[in-house]
Amino acid sequence: MLRYASAMRRQDTLHDNQPRPNRLDRHKSHLDRRFTEGCTSVTQLHPELVAQVAPLAYGMVRASIATLRAVPPDGPPPPSARRTERA
C-alpha cells in the first residue's frame, strides 16, 4: 500500500507482467523435440520427464502440450467450410 501512496505517477505503480519461472522450463526443449517427433501423448511424455528426475505434475505437462497443440503447423491453414470450391 505504501508503494501506491508514494507514487508520483500512475506508471510508477505498474509492474512488468513477466511469466514466473517454473520447474518445467528446463525440460521444454525435450517436450518440443518429442512433440515434433510425433509423440503427443501426455501419458507417455510425463513418465519420460519423471524418469529424468524431474518431479513434475501431470497437469503441468498437459498444459504445456496443450499449448504446443494449439500452435498451427507451418503450412497454410485449411480452408473454411464456407470458402471451399464446389465442383
PDB file of N, CA and C in Angstrom:
ATOM      1  N   MET A   1       0.820  -1.194   0.000  1.00  0.00           N
ATOM      2  CA  MET A   1       0.000   0.000   0.000  1.00  0.00           C
ATOM      3  C   MET A   1       0.860   1.252   0.000  1.00  0.00           C
ATOM      4  N   LEU A   2       1.991   1.231   0.677  1.00  0.00           N
ATOM      5  CA  LEU A   2       2.848   2.394   0.742  1.00  0.00           C
ATOM      6  C   LEU A   2       3.390   2.752  -0.643  1.00  0.00           C
ATOM      7  N   ARG A   3       3.594   1.745  -1.474  1.00  0.00           N
ATOM      8  CA  ARG A   3       4.080   1.999  -2.820  1.00  0.00           C
ATOM      9  C   ARG A   3       3.092   2.865  -3.593  1.00  0.00           C
ATOM     10  N   TYR A   4       1.805   2.599  -3.431  1.00  0.00           N
ATOM     11  CA  TYR A   4       0.788   3.372  -4.131  1.00  0.00           C
ATOM     12  C   TYR A   4       0.684   4.789  -3.573  1.00  0.00           C
ATOM     13  N   ALA A   5       0.847   4.923  -2.293  1.00  0.00           N
ATOM     14  CA  ALA A   5       0.737   6.243  -1.678  1.00  0.00           C
ATOM     15  C   ALA A   5       1.915   7.130  -2.051  1.00  0.00           C
ATOM     16  N   SER A   6       3.093   6.548  -2.205  1.00  0.00           N
ATOM     17  CA  SER A   6       4.274   7.359  -2.501  1.00  0.00           C
ATOM     18  C   SER A   6       4.524   7.525  -3.995  1.00  0.00           C
ATOM     19  N   ALA A   7       3.694   6.937  -4.833  1.00  0.00           N
ATOM     20  CA  ALA A   7       3.882   7.044  -6.283  1.00  0.00           C
ATOM     21  C   ALA A   7       3.496   8.440  -6.757  1.00  0.00           C
ATOM     22  N   MET A   8       4.338   8.994  -7.582  1.00  0.00           N
ATOM     23  CA  MET A   8       4.072  10.316  -8.139  1.00  0.00           C
ATOM     24  C   MET A   8       3.173  10.223  -9.386  1.00  0.00           C
ATOM     25  N   ARG A   9       3.317   9.114 -10.124  1.00  0.00           N
ATOM     26  CA  ARG A   9       2.536   8.921 -11.349  1.00  0.00           C
ATOM     27  C   ARG A   9       1.903   7.543 -11.320  1.00  0.00           C
ATOM     28  N   ARG A  10       0.907   7.369 -12.148  1.00  0.00           N
ATOM     29  CA  ARG A  10       0.243   6.062 -12.231  1.00  0.00           C
ATOM     30  C   ARG A  10       1.208   4.994 -12.745  1.00  0.00           C
ATOM     31  N   GLN A  11       2.119   5.361 -13.644  1.00  0.00           N
ATOM     32  CA  GLN A  11       3.057   4.403 -14.208  1.00  0.00           C
ATOM     33  C   GLN A  11       4.012   3.842 -13.149  1.00  0.00           C
ATOM     34  N   ASP A  12       4.205   4.565 -12.068  1.00  0.00           N
ATOM     35  CA  ASP A  12       5.084   4.085 -11.008  1.00  0.00           C
ATOM     36  C   ASP A  12       4.474   2.925 -10.239  1.00  0.00           C
ATOM     37  N   THR A  13       3.184   2.714 -10.370  1.00  0.00           N
ATOM     38  CA  THR A  13       2.529   1.630  -9.635  1.00  0.00           C
ATOM     39  C   THR A  13       2.425   0.351 -10.463  1.00  0.00           C
ATOM     40  N   LEU A  14       2.739   0.427 -11.752  1.00  0.00           N
ATOM     41  CA  LEU A  14       2.590  -0.736 -12.626  1.00  0.00           C
ATOM     42  C   LEU A  14       3.822  -1.629 -12.544  1.00  0.00           C
ATOM     43  N   HIS A  15       3.604  -2.907 -12.730  1.00  0.00           N
ATOM     44  CA  HIS A  15       4.680  -3.898 -12.755  1.00  0.00           C
ATOM     45  C   HIS A  15       4.800  -4.446 -14.162  1.00  0.00           C
ATOM     46  N   ASP A  16       5.964  -4.957 -14.470  1.00  0.00           N
ATOM     47  CA  ASP A  16       6.116  -5.693 -15.719  1.00  0.00           C
ATOM     48  C   ASP A  16       5.518  -7.076 -15.513  1.00  0.00           C
ATOM     49  N   ASN A  17       4.577  -7.433 -16.355  1.00  0.00           N
ATOM     50  CA  ASN A  17       3.957  -8.754 -16.251  1.00  0.00           C
ATOM     51  C   ASN A  17       4.804  -9.761 -17.010  1.00  0.00           C
ATOM     52  N   GLN A  18       5.749 -10.344 -16.326  1.00  0.00           N
ATOM     53  CA  GLN A  18       6.598 -11.348 -16.925  1.00  0.00           C
ATOM     54  C   GLN A  18       6.277 -12.685 -16.287  1.00  0.00           C
ATOM     55  N   PRO A  19       6.282 -13.745 -17.099  1.00  0.00           N
ATOM     56  CA  PRO A  19       5.945 -15.054 -16.530  1.00  0.00           C
ATOM     57  C   PRO A  19       6.979 -15.494 -15.497  1.00  0.00           C
ATOM     58  N   ARG A  20       6.482 -16.120 -14.467  1.00  0.00           N
ATOM     59  CA  ARG A  20       7.359 -16.634 -13.429  1.00  0.00           C
ATOM     60  C   ARG A  20       7.976 -17.935 -13.894  1.00  0.00           C
ATOM     61  N   PRO A  21       9.225 -18.193 -13.549  1.00  0.00           N
ATOM     62  CA  PRO A  21       9.833 -19.468 -13.935  1.00  0.00           C
ATOM     63  C   PRO A  21       9.179 -20.617 -13.178  1.00  0.00           C
ATOM     64  N   ASN A  22       9.117 -21.774 -13.824  1.00  0.00           N
ATOM     65  CA  ASN A  22       8.583 -22.956 -13.155  1.00  0.00           C
ATOM     66  C   ASN A  22       9.497 -24.151 -13.414  1.00  0.00           C
ATOM     67  N   ARG A  23       9.171 -25.274 -12.825  1.00  0.00           N
ATOM     68  CA  ARG A  23      10.026 -26.456 -12.931  1.00  0.00           C
ATOM     69  C   ARG A  23      10.062 -27.040 -14.336  1.00  0.00           C
ATOM     70  N   LEU A  24       9.085 -26.729 -15.155  1.00  0.00           N
ATOM     71  CA  LEU A  24       9.015 -27.291 -16.500  1.00  0.00           C
ATOM     72  C   LEU A  24       9.927 -26.565 -17.484  1.00  0.00           C
ATOM     73  N   ASP A  25      10.355 -25.356 -17.175  1.00  0.00           N
ATOM     74  CA  ASP A  25      11.152 -24.562 -18.107  1.00  0.00           C
ATOM     75  C   ASP A  25      12.422 -25.271 -18.557  1.00  0.00           C
ATOM     76  N   ARG A  26      13.084 -25.975 -17.657  1.00  0.00           N
ATOM     77  CA  ARG A  26      14.323 -26.673 -18.016  1.00  0.00           C
ATOM     78  C   ARG A  26      14.077 -27.820 -18.982  1.00  0.00           C
ATOM     79  N   HIS A  27      12.860 -28.317 -19.053  1.00  0.00           N
ATOM     80  CA  HIS A  27      12.562 -29.503 -19.860  1.00  0.00           C
ATOM     81  C   HIS A  27      11.732 -29.176 -21.095  1.00  0.00           C
ATOM     82  N   LYS A  28      11.535 -27.901 -21.382  1.00  0.00           N
ATOM     83  CA  LYS A  28      10.737 -27.514 -22.556  1.00  0.00           C
ATOM     84  C   LYS A  28      11.378 -27.985 -23.850  1.00  0.00           C
ATOM     85  N   SER A  29      12.699 -27.959 -23.933  1.00  0.00           N
ATOM     86  CA  SER A  29      13.361 -28.398 -25.163  1.00  0.00           C
ATOM     87  C   SER A  29      13.095 -29.879 -25.418  1.00  0.00           C
ATOM     88  N   HIS A  30      13.081 -30.688 -24.351  1.00  0.00           N
ATOM     89  CA  HIS A  30      12.770 -32.114 -24.500  1.00  0.00           C
ATOM     90  C   HIS A  30      11.333 -32.292 -24.982  1.00  0.00           C
ATOM     91  N   LEU A  31      10.400 -31.557 -24.398  1.00  0.00           N
ATOM     92  CA  LEU A  31       8.999 -31.662 -24.820  1.00  0.00           C
ATOM     93  C   LEU A  31       8.818 -31.210 -26.263  1.00  0.00           C
ATOM     94  N   ASP A  32       9.468 -30.117 -26.637  1.00  0.00           N
ATOM     95  CA  ASP A  32       9.369 -29.644 -28.014  1.00  0.00           C
ATOM     96  C   ASP A  32       9.917 -30.666 -28.998  1.00  0.00           C
ATOM     97  N   ARG A  33      11.069 -31.246 -28.660  1.00  0.00           N
ATOM     98  CA  ARG A  33      11.687 -32.240 -29.547  1.00  0.00           C
ATOM     99  C   ARG A  33      10.795 -33.462 -29.693  1.00  0.00           C
ATOM    100  N   ARG A  34      10.296 -33.975 -28.594  1.00  0.00           N
ATOM    101  CA  ARG A  34       9.443 -35.175 -28.641  1.00  0.00           C
ATOM    102  C   ARG A  34       8.133 -34.884 -29.377  1.00  0.00           C
ATOM    103  N   PHE A  35       7.603 -33.664 -29.212  1.00  0.00           N
ATOM    104  CA  PHE A  35       6.364 -33.298 -29.888  1.00  0.00           C
ATOM    105  C   PHE A  35       6.578 -33.242 -31.394  1.00  0.00           C
ATOM    106  N   THR A  36       7.704 -32.689 -31.831  1.00  0.00           N
ATOM    107  CA  THR A  36       7.979 -32.643 -33.269  1.00  0.00           C
ATOM    108  C   THR A  36       8.291 -34.020 -33.827  1.00  0.00           C
ATOM    109  N   GLU A  37       8.752 -34.944 -32.978  1.00  0.00           N
ATOM    110  CA  GLU A  37       8.965 -36.324 -33.409  1.00  0.00           C
ATOM    111  C   GLU A  37       7.648 -37.071 -33.582  1.00  0.00           C
ATOM    112  N   GLY A  38       6.579 -36.514 -33.067  1.00  0.00           N
ATOM    113  CA  GLY A  38       5.270 -37.134 -33.228  1.00  0.00           C
ATOM    114  C   GLY A  38       4.665 -37.689 -31.956  1.00  0.00           C
ATOM    115  N   CYS A  39       5.380 -37.624 -30.849  1.00  0.00           N
ATOM    116  CA  CYS A  39       4.851 -38.105 -29.573  1.00  0.00           C
ATOM    117  C   CYS A  39       4.054 -36.977 -28.935  1.00  0.00           C
ATOM    118  N   THR A  40       2.735 -37.065 -29.025  1.00  0.00           N
ATOM    119  CA  THR A  40       1.880 -36.011 -28.479  1.00  0.00           C
ATOM    120  C   THR A  40       1.079 -36.488 -27.273  1.00  0.00           C
ATOM    121  N   SER A  41       1.357 -37.674 -26.791  1.00  0.00           N
ATOM    122  CA  SER A  41       0.615 -38.249 -25.673  1.00  0.00           C
ATOM    123  C   SER A  41       1.221 -37.807 -24.348  1.00  0.00           C
ATOM    124  N   VAL A  42       0.415 -37.162 -23.548  1.00  0.00           N
ATOM    125  CA  VAL A  42       0.878 -36.715 -22.239  1.00  0.00           C
ATOM    126  C   VAL A  42       1.172 -37.914 -21.346  1.00  0.00           C
ATOM    127  N   THR A  43       0.425 -38.988 -21.512  1.00  0.00           N
ATOM    128  CA  THR A  43       0.657 -40.181 -20.683  1.00  0.00           C
ATOM    129  C   THR A  43       1.989 -40.838 -21.006  1.00  0.00           C
ATOM    130  N   GLN A  44       2.557 -40.576 -22.167  1.00  0.00           N
ATOM    131  CA  GLN A  44       3.898 -41.077 -22.486  1.00  0.00           C
ATOM    132  C   GLN A  44       4.974 -40.082 -22.053  1.00  0.00           C
ATOM    133  N   LEU A  45       4.708 -38.807 -22.271  1.00  0.00           N
ATOM    134  CA  LEU A  45       5.723 -37.793 -22.006  1.00  0.00           C
ATOM    135  C   LEU A  45       5.948 -37.551 -20.512  1.00  0.00           C
ATOM    136  N   HIS A  46       4.907 -37.620 -19.720  1.00  0.00           N
ATOM    137  CA  HIS A  46       5.057 -37.377 -18.278  1.00  0.00           C
ATOM    138  C   HIS A  46       6.002 -38.381 -17.626  1.00  0.00           C
ATOM    139  N   PRO A  47       5.841 -39.705 -17.850  1.00  0.00           N
ATOM    140  CA  PRO A  47       6.803 -40.637 -17.243  1.00  0.00           C
ATOM    141  C   PRO A  47       8.236 -40.447 -17.751  1.00  0.00           C
ATOM    142  N   GLU A  48       8.394 -40.019 -19.013  1.00  0.00           N
ATOM    143  CA  GLU A  48       9.741 -39.753 -19.519  1.00  0.00           C
ATOM    144  C   GLU A  48      10.406 -38.640 -18.717  1.00  0.00           C
ATOM    145  N   LEU A  49       9.661 -37.599 -18.423  1.00  0.00           N
ATOM    146  CA  LEU A  49      10.222 -36.497 -17.649  1.00  0.00           C
ATOM    147  C   LEU A  49      10.482 -36.893 -16.202  1.00  0.00           C
ATOM    148  N   VAL A  50       9.602 -37.691 -15.635  1.00  0.00           N
ATOM    149  CA  VAL A  50       9.801 -38.155 -14.255  1.00  0.00           C
ATOM    150  C   VAL A  50      11.038 -39.051 -14.189  1.00  0.00           C
ATOM    151  N   ALA A  51      11.285 -39.836 -15.240  1.00  0.00           N
ATOM    152  CA  ALA A  51      12.472 -40.687 -15.280  1.00  0.00           C
ATOM    153  C   ALA A  51      13.751 -39.860 -15.362  1.00  0.00           C
ATOM    154  N   GLN A  52      13.667 -38.644 -15.856  1.00  0.00           N
ATOM    155  CA  GLN A  52      14.827 -37.747 -15.921  1.00  0.00           C
ATOM    156  C   GLN A  52      15.018 -36.994 -14.604  1.00  0.00           C
ATOM    157  N   VAL A  53      14.423 -37.478 -13.546  1.00  0.00           N
ATOM    158  CA  VAL A  53      14.484 -36.869 -12.225  1.00  0.00           C
ATOM    159  C   VAL A  53      13.910 -35.455 -12.279  1.00  0.00           C
ATOM    160  N   ALA A  54      12.762 -35.357 -12.894  1.00  0.00           N
ATOM    161  CA  ALA A  54      12.048 -34.087 -12.959  1.00  0.00           C
ATOM    162  C   ALA A  54      10.712 -34.264 -12.260  1.00  0.00           C
ATOM    163  N   PRO A  55      10.602 -33.862 -10.993  1.00  0.00           N
ATOM    164  CA  PRO A  55       9.332 -34.043 -10.275  1.00  0.00           C
ATOM    165  C   PRO A  55       8.281 -33.054 -10.768  1.00  0.00           C
ATOM    166  N   LEU A  56       7.653 -33.408 -11.868  1.00  0.00           N
ATOM    167  CA  LEU A  56       6.657 -32.523 -12.484  1.00  0.00           C
ATOM    168  C   LEU A  56       5.273 -33.100 -12.317  1.00  0.00           C
ATOM    169  N   ALA A  57       4.326 -32.227 -12.112  1.00  0.00           N
ATOM    170  CA  ALA A  57       2.935 -32.648 -12.014  1.00  0.00           C
ATOM    171  C   ALA A  57       2.415 -32.969 -13.414  1.00  0.00           C
ATOM    172  N   TYR A  58       1.514 -33.907 -13.474  1.00  0.00           N
ATOM    173  CA  TYR A  58       0.907 -34.315 -14.743  1.00  0.00           C
ATOM    174  C   TYR A  58       0.223 -33.123 -15.409  1.00  0.00           C
ATOM    175  N   GLY A  59      -0.427 -32.282 -14.630  1.00  0.00           N
ATOM    176  CA  GLY A  59      -1.145 -31.132 -15.169  1.00  0.00           C
ATOM    177  C   GLY A  59      -0.224 -30.111 -15.819  1.00  0.00           C
ATOM    178  N   MET A  60       1.002 -29.975 -15.304  1.00  0.00           N
ATOM    179  CA  MET A  60       1.949 -29.053 -15.922  1.00  0.00           C
ATOM    180  C   MET A  60       2.336 -29.529 -17.315  1.00  0.00           C
ATOM    181  N   VAL A  61       2.578 -30.825 -17.445  1.00  0.00           N
ATOM    182  CA  VAL A  61       2.942 -31.382 -18.749  1.00  0.00           C
ATOM    183  C   VAL A  61       1.753 -31.282 -19.698  1.00  0.00           C
ATOM    184  N   ARG A  62       0.571 -31.557 -19.192  1.00  0.00           N
ATOM    185  CA  ARG A  62      -0.637 -31.486 -20.027  1.00  0.00           C
ATOM    186  C   ARG A  62      -0.856 -30.066 -20.544  1.00  0.00           C
ATOM    187  N   ALA A  63      -0.653 -29.072 -19.705  1.00  0.00           N
ATOM    188  CA  ALA A  63      -0.836 -27.682 -20.126  1.00  0.00           C
ATOM    189  C   ALA A  63       0.197 -27.285 -21.172  1.00  0.00           C
ATOM    190  N   SER A  64       1.426 -27.756 -21.011  1.00  0.00           N
ATOM    191  CA  SER A  64       2.467 -27.432 -21.977  1.00  0.00           C
ATOM    192  C   SER A  64       2.179 -28.072 -23.330  1.00  0.00           C
ATOM    193  N   ILE A  65       1.728 -29.310 -23.324  1.00  0.00           N
ATOM    194  CA  ILE A  65       1.394 -29.993 -24.580  1.00  0.00           C
ATOM    195  C   ILE A  65       0.174 -29.343 -25.217  1.00  0.00           C
ATOM    196  N   ALA A  66      -0.760 -28.869 -24.421  1.00  0.00           N
ATOM    197  CA  ALA A  66      -1.942 -28.198 -24.974  1.00  0.00           C
ATOM    198  C   ALA A  66      -1.539 -26.934 -25.721  1.00  0.00           C
ATOM    199  N   THR A  67      -0.552 -26.194 -25.225  1.00  0.00           N
ATOM    200  CA  THR A  67      -0.097 -25.008 -25.951  1.00  0.00           C
ATOM    201  C   THR A  67       0.622 -25.392 -27.235  1.00  0.00           C
ATOM    202  N   LEU A  68       1.347 -26.509 -27.216  1.00  0.00           N
ATOM    203  CA  LEU A  68       2.001 -26.966 -28.452  1.00  0.00           C
ATOM    204  C   LEU A  68       0.969 -27.412 -29.481  1.00  0.00           C
ATOM    205  N   ARG A  69      -0.089 -28.023 -29.025  1.00  0.00           N
ATOM    206  CA  ARG A  69      -1.140 -28.465 -29.954  1.00  0.00           C
ATOM    207  C   ARG A  69      -1.884 -27.281 -30.554  1.00  0.00           C
ATOM    208  N   ALA A  70      -1.957 -26.176 -29.838  1.00  0.00           N
ATOM    209  CA  ALA A  70      -2.696 -25.015 -30.308  1.00  0.00           C
ATOM    210  C   ALA A  70      -1.948 -24.255 -31.400  1.00  0.00           C
ATOM    211  N   VAL A  71      -0.632 -24.438 -31.486  1.00  0.00           N
ATOM    212  CA  VAL A  71       0.157 -23.739 -32.494  1.00  0.00           C
ATOM    213  C   VAL A  71      -0.062 -24.426 -33.836  1.00  0.00           C
ATOM    214  N   PRO A  72      -0.493 -23.673 -34.854  1.00  0.00           N
ATOM    215  CA  PRO A  72      -0.723 -24.301 -36.148  1.00  0.00           C
ATOM    216  C   PRO A  72       0.598 -24.685 -36.812  1.00  0.00           C
ATOM    217  N   PRO A  73       0.596 -25.704 -37.653  1.00  0.00           N
ATOM    218  CA  PRO A  73       1.821 -26.074 -38.372  1.00  0.00           C
ATOM    219  C   PRO A  73       2.212 -24.972 -39.350  1.00  0.00           C
ATOM    220  N   ASP A  74       3.386 -25.099 -39.926  1.00  0.00           N
ATOM    221  CA  ASP A  74       3.906 -24.055 -40.809  1.00  0.00           C
ATOM    222  C   ASP A  74       3.148 -23.929 -42.128  1.00  0.00           C
ATOM    223  N   GLY A  75       2.390 -24.922 -42.497  1.00  0.00           N
ATOM    224  CA  GLY A  75       1.667 -24.896 -43.761  1.00  0.00           C
ATOM    225  C   GLY A  75       0.498 -23.928 -43.726  1.00  0.00           C
ATOM    226  N   PRO A  76      -0.147 -23.752 -44.871  1.00  0.00           N
ATOM    227  CA  PRO A  76      -1.299 -22.851 -44.905  1.00  0.00           C
ATOM    228  C   PRO A  76      -2.462 -23.421 -44.102  1.00  0.00           C
ATOM    229  N   PRO A  77      -3.307 -22.571 -43.567  1.00  0.00           N
ATOM    230  CA  PRO A  77      -4.442 -23.072 -42.792  1.00  0.00           C
ATOM    231  C   PRO A  77      -5.433 -23.774 -43.706  1.00  0.00           C
ATOM    232  N   PRO A  78      -6.168 -24.724 -43.182  1.00  0.00           N
ATOM    233  CA  PRO A  78      -7.164 -25.399 -44.020  1.00  0.00           C
ATOM    234  C   PRO A  78      -8.265 -24.435 -44.406  1.00  0.00           C
ATOM    235  N   PRO A  79      -8.871 -24.656 -45.566  1.00  0.00           N
ATOM    236  CA  PRO A  79      -9.942 -23.743 -45.981  1.00  0.00           C
ATOM    237  C   PRO A  79     -11.160 -23.913 -45.079  1.00  0.00           C
ATOM    238  N   SER A  80     -11.860 -22.817 -44.891  1.00  0.00           N
ATOM    239  CA  SER A  80     -13.068 -22.906 -44.077  1.00  0.00           C
ATOM    240  C   SER A  80     -14.162 -23.559 -44.895  1.00  0.00           C
ATOM    241  N   ALA A  81     -15.195 -24.020 -44.252  1.00  0.00           N
ATOM    242  CA  ALA A  81     -16.282 -24.697 -44.941  1.00  0.00           C
ATOM    243  C   ALA A  81     -17.015 -23.738 -45.882  1.00  0.00           C
ATOM    244  N   ARG A  82     -16.979 -22.478 -45.580  1.00  0.00           N
ATOM    245  CA  ARG A  82     -17.682 -21.500 -46.415  1.00  0.00           C
ATOM    246  C   ARG A  82     -16.893 -21.105 -47.662  1.00  0.00           C
ATOM    247  N   ARG A  83     -15.590 -21.342 -47.630  1.00  0.00           N
ATOM    248  CA  ARG A  83     -14.758 -20.908 -48.742  1.00  0.00           C
ATOM    249  C   ARG A  83     -14.318 -22.045 -49.653  1.00  0.00           C
ATOM    250  N   THR A  84     -14.789 -23.226 -49.447  1.00  0.00           N
ATOM    251  CA  THR A  84     -14.401 -24.313 -50.324  1.00  0.00           C
ATOM    252  C   THR A  84     -15.104 -24.181 -51.658  1.00  0.00           C
ATOM    253  N   GLU A  85     -14.398 -24.586 -52.688  1.00  0.00           N
ATOM    254  CA  GLU A  85     -14.992 -24.504 -54.027  1.00  0.00           C
ATOM    255  C   GLU A  85     -15.912 -25.686 -54.249  1.00  0.00           C
ATOM    256  N   ARG A  86     -16.981 -25.433 -54.897  1.00  0.00           N
ATOM    257  CA  ARG A  86     -17.930 -26.515 -55.202  1.00  0.00           C
ATOM    258  C   ARG A  86     -17.612 -27.041 -56.601  1.00  0.00           C
ATOM    259  N   ALA A  87     -17.653 -28.336 -56.728  1.00  0.00           N
ATOM    260  CA  ALA A  87     -17.362 -28.961 -58.026  1.00  0.00           C
ATOM    261  C   ALA A  87     -18.569 -29.005 -58.915  1.00  0.00           C
TER     262      ALA A  87
END
